[in-house]
């Protein structure tokens, strides 16, 4: 069982930066690939990016590639989403999630993730 608690987020001007954190409980956190998703107002949830259980491989949606970076600190049981050069269209509720199966790769299908953080709001003003 994995429990995820998010922190960070808030209001920032376009061009600014924010960092989201996702702290996990559970001894097997290091065996789960993780993903970040977001849900813009009035839209469906979308994949932002993911990181493998060993932290060696990351993947990103085209819309955030080059601006967002995902990392993980196994010792702290925490993953991070560093968001730079933020745009108003990045405004959304952001969620971290853990894959339902250990050692599985991250991917854009939210149905593959069994554990979710509580969500945190990010608002980018123009």
Protein backbone atom coordinates (compact mmCIF):
# COMPACT_ATOMS: atom_id res chain seq x y z
CA UNK A 1 0.00 0.00 0.00
CA UNK A 2 1.27 3.47 -0.91
CA UNK A 3 -0.11 6.75 0.41
CA UNK A 4 0.81 10.00 -1.32
CA UNK A 5 0.72 13.49 0.21
CA UNK A 6 1.32 16.49 -2.02
CA UNK A 7 2.64 19.94 -1.19
CA UNK A 8 3.55 23.05 -3.11
CA UNK A 9 1.55 24.81 -5.75
CA UNK A 10 -0.15 28.18 -5.60
CA UNK A 11 -0.33 31.31 -7.69
CA UNK A 12 2.52 32.46 -9.92
CA UNK A 13 2.96 34.88 -12.78
CA UNK A 14 3.64 33.66 -16.28
CA UNK A 15 7.31 32.89 -16.71
CA UNK A 16 7.71 31.99 -13.08
CA UNK A 17 8.53 28.69 -11.39
CA UNK A 18 6.99 26.37 -8.87
CA UNK A 19 7.96 23.05 -7.37
CA UNK A 20 5.50 20.40 -6.32
CA UNK A 21 6.37 17.62 -3.93
CA UNK A 22 4.77 14.26 -3.42
CA UNK A 23 5.75 12.37 -0.29
CA UNK A 24 5.01 8.67 -0.11
CA UNK A 25 4.54 6.35 2.79
CA UNK A 26 5.08 2.66 2.48
CA UNK A 27 8.21 0.59 2.47
CA UNK A 28 7.90 -0.35 -1.19
CA UNK A 29 7.81 3.18 -2.58
CA UNK A 30 11.15 2.64 -4.29
CA UNK A 31 9.66 -0.13 -6.45
CA UNK A 32 6.91 2.00 -8.01
CA UNK A 33 7.15 4.23 -11.03
CA UNK A 34 5.42 7.53 -10.52
CA UNK A 35 3.49 9.93 -12.67
CA UNK A 36 2.29 13.49 -12.55
CA UNK A 37 -1.08 14.39 -14.03
CA UNK A 38 -3.03 17.60 -14.23
CA UNK A 39 -6.63 18.59 -14.78
CA UNK A 40 -7.21 22.07 -16.20
CA UNK A 41 -10.50 23.77 -15.34
CA UNK A 42 -13.33 22.20 -17.30
CA UNK A 43 -11.07 19.66 -18.99
CA UNK A 44 -10.09 16.06 -18.54
CA UNK A 45 -7.09 14.86 -16.60
CA UNK A 46 -3.93 14.65 -18.67
CA UNK A 47 -0.50 13.13 -18.27
CA UNK A 48 2.31 15.54 -17.47
CA UNK A 49 5.21 13.16 -17.06
CA UNK A 50 6.58 10.16 -15.24
CA UNK A 51 9.67 8.72 -13.63
CA UNK A 52 10.71 5.10 -13.31
CA UNK A 53 11.08 3.36 -9.97
CA UNK A 54 14.87 3.66 -10.14
CA UNK A 55 14.73 7.31 -11.16
CA UNK A 56 16.89 6.81 -14.22
CA UNK A 57 14.27 7.48 -16.86
CA UNK A 58 11.75 10.25 -17.21
CA UNK A 59 9.14 11.01 -19.82
CA UNK A 60 7.11 14.15 -20.48
CA UNK A 61 4.13 15.36 -22.41
CA UNK A 62 5.09 17.50 -25.37
CA UNK A 63 3.35 20.48 -23.81
CA UNK A 64 5.77 20.58 -20.86
CA UNK A 65 8.93 19.11 -22.34
CA UNK A 66 11.91 21.35 -21.71
CA UNK A 67 10.09 23.31 -18.99
CA UNK A 68 9.17 20.69 -16.39
CA UNK A 69 11.48 18.25 -14.63
CA UNK A 70 10.55 15.24 -12.54
CA UNK A 71 12.93 13.83 -9.98
CA UNK A 72 12.79 11.50 -7.03
CA UNK A 73 14.62 11.24 -3.74
CA UNK A 74 14.41 7.63 -2.64
CA UNK A 75 15.85 8.38 0.79
CA UNK A 76 13.05 10.88 1.42
CA UNK A 77 10.36 8.81 -0.31
CA UNK A 78 9.52 11.89 -2.34
CA UNK A 79 9.15 12.87 -5.96
CA UNK A 80 9.21 16.38 -7.29
CA UNK A 81 7.81 18.28 -10.23
CA UNK A 82 9.89 21.36 -10.99
CA UNK A 83 7.94 23.67 -13.25
CA UNK A 84 9.73 26.50 -15.00
CA UNK A 85 8.66 29.05 -17.61
CA UNK A 86 5.08 28.57 -16.55
CA UNK A 87 2.30 29.58 -18.88
CA UNK A 88 -1.34 30.43 -18.18
CA UNK A 89 -2.31 27.19 -19.91
CA UNK A 90 -0.44 25.29 -17.19
CA UNK A 91 -3.17 26.32 -14.76
CA UNK A 92 -4.66 23.12 -13.36
CA UNK A 93 -5.02 20.83 -10.40
CA UNK A 94 -1.91 18.67 -10.30
CA UNK A 95 -1.82 15.10 -9.03
CA UNK A 96 0.95 12.65 -8.35
CA UNK A 97 0.26 8.98 -8.75
CA UNK A 98 1.96 5.63 -8.26
CA UNK A 99 1.68 2.75 -10.69
CA UNK A 100 -0.51 -0.09 -9.51
CA UNK A 101 2.20 -2.65 -10.15
CA UNK A 102 5.76 -2.64 -8.87
CA UNK A 103 8.52 -2.27 -11.45
CA UNK A 104 6.10 -1.17 -14.17
CA UNK A 105 7.08 1.76 -16.35
CA UNK A 106 5.21 5.04 -16.10
CA UNK A 107 2.85 5.98 -18.89
CA UNK A 108 0.08 8.37 -19.86
CA UNK A 109 -2.87 6.10 -19.05
CA UNK A 110 -4.26 7.18 -15.69
CA UNK A 111 -6.04 3.85 -15.31
CA UNK A 112 -2.63 2.22 -14.72
CA UNK A 113 -2.15 4.15 -11.50
CA UNK A 114 -3.72 2.86 -8.31
CA UNK A 115 -2.52 5.41 -5.79
CA UNK A 116 -3.14 9.13 -6.03
CA UNK A 117 -2.18 12.23 -4.12
CA UNK A 118 -4.84 14.65 -2.93
CA UNK A 119 -4.10 17.17 -5.66
CA UNK A 120 -2.73 20.69 -5.51
CA UNK A 121 -3.82 23.76 -7.40
CA UNK A 122 -1.47 25.67 -9.66
CA UNK A 123 -2.63 28.98 -11.09
CA UNK A 124 -0.53 30.90 -13.60
CA UNK A 125 -1.56 34.49 -14.21
CA UNK A 126 -0.80 36.31 -17.45
